């Protein structure tokens, strides 16, 4: 059975980051996570949405530029 639930280490690997960074972000509520007992758990679909929003927020100007460039070339 395939699951959408990921461990801290799996999220770190998935995002190509250090587990300590993911741990710190989870504690600071900078990344969506749930602490179950002593372990952090993450839902992959929510991490994907969070990452997309994080990228959008950081690079809105570039995204808008790329979108307008794509629209111009399709006309």
Protein backbone atom coordinates (compact mmCIF):
# COMPACT_ATOMS: atom_id res chain seq x y z
CA UNK A 1 0.00 0.00 0.00
CA UNK A 2 1.48 3.34 -1.08
CA UNK A 3 1.19 6.11 1.48
CA UNK A 4 1.23 9.88 1.30
CA UNK A 5 2.86 10.12 4.76
CA UNK A 6 6.58 10.86 4.90
CA UNK A 7 9.16 10.85 7.66
CA UNK A 8 11.50 13.75 8.32
CA UNK A 9 14.33 11.94 6.56
CA UNK A 10 12.15 11.20 3.53
CA UNK A 11 11.15 14.87 3.25
CA UNK A 12 14.79 15.93 3.55
CA UNK A 13 15.73 13.52 0.75
CA UNK A 14 12.73 14.57 -1.35
CA UNK A 15 13.60 18.28 -1.03
CA UNK A 16 17.35 17.56 -1.22
CA UNK A 17 17.98 19.25 2.12
CA UNK A 18 19.59 18.33 5.41
CA UNK A 19 17.32 16.57 7.92
CA UNK A 20 18.35 19.10 10.59
CA UNK A 21 16.97 21.94 8.45
CA UNK A 22 13.64 20.15 8.01
CA UNK A 23 13.55 19.42 11.76
CA UNK A 24 14.18 23.09 12.61
CA UNK A 25 11.59 24.29 10.10
CA UNK A 26 9.01 21.84 11.48
CA UNK A 27 9.61 23.09 15.02
CA UNK A 28 9.32 26.70 13.85
CA UNK A 29 6.17 25.89 11.84
CA UNK A 30 7.89 27.02 8.62
CA UNK A 31 6.98 23.75 6.89
CA UNK A 32 3.65 21.91 7.32
CA UNK A 33 4.18 18.98 9.68
CA UNK A 34 2.55 17.04 12.48
CA UNK A 35 4.37 15.78 15.55
CA UNK A 36 3.08 12.36 16.52
CA UNK A 37 4.66 11.34 19.79
CA UNK A 38 8.32 12.19 19.34
CA UNK A 39 8.32 11.86 15.55
CA UNK A 40 7.55 14.40 12.83
CA UNK A 41 5.34 13.33 9.93
CA UNK A 42 4.58 15.10 6.68
CA UNK A 43 1.95 14.63 4.00
CA UNK A 44 3.57 14.59 0.55
CA UNK A 45 0.66 16.27 -1.21
CA UNK A 46 0.77 19.15 1.30
CA UNK A 47 4.56 19.44 1.00
CA UNK A 48 4.14 19.69 -2.78
CA UNK A 49 1.59 22.49 -2.39
CA UNK A 50 3.74 24.27 0.22
CA UNK A 51 6.79 24.08 -2.05
CA UNK A 52 4.87 25.46 -5.04
CA UNK A 53 3.62 28.38 -2.93
CA UNK A 54 7.08 28.93 -1.44
CA UNK A 55 8.63 29.10 -4.92
CA UNK A 56 5.80 31.34 -6.19
CA UNK A 57 6.21 33.76 -3.27
CA UNK A 58 9.98 34.00 -3.68
CA UNK A 59 10.02 34.33 -7.44
CA UNK A 60 6.74 36.00 -8.45
CA UNK A 61 8.49 38.50 -10.71
CA UNK A 62 10.32 35.75 -12.61
CA UNK A 63 7.20 33.59 -12.86
CA UNK A 64 5.16 36.52 -14.22
CA UNK A 65 7.92 37.31 -16.71
CA UNK A 66 8.06 33.68 -17.89
CA UNK A 67 4.27 33.51 -18.20
CA UNK A 68 4.09 36.68 -20.26
CA UNK A 69 6.97 35.49 -22.44
CA UNK A 70 5.16 32.19 -23.09
CA UNK A 71 1.93 34.03 -23.93
CA UNK A 72 3.77 36.37 -26.33
CA UNK A 73 5.42 33.47 -28.15
CA UNK A 74 2.12 31.59 -28.54
CA UNK A 75 0.39 34.53 -30.23
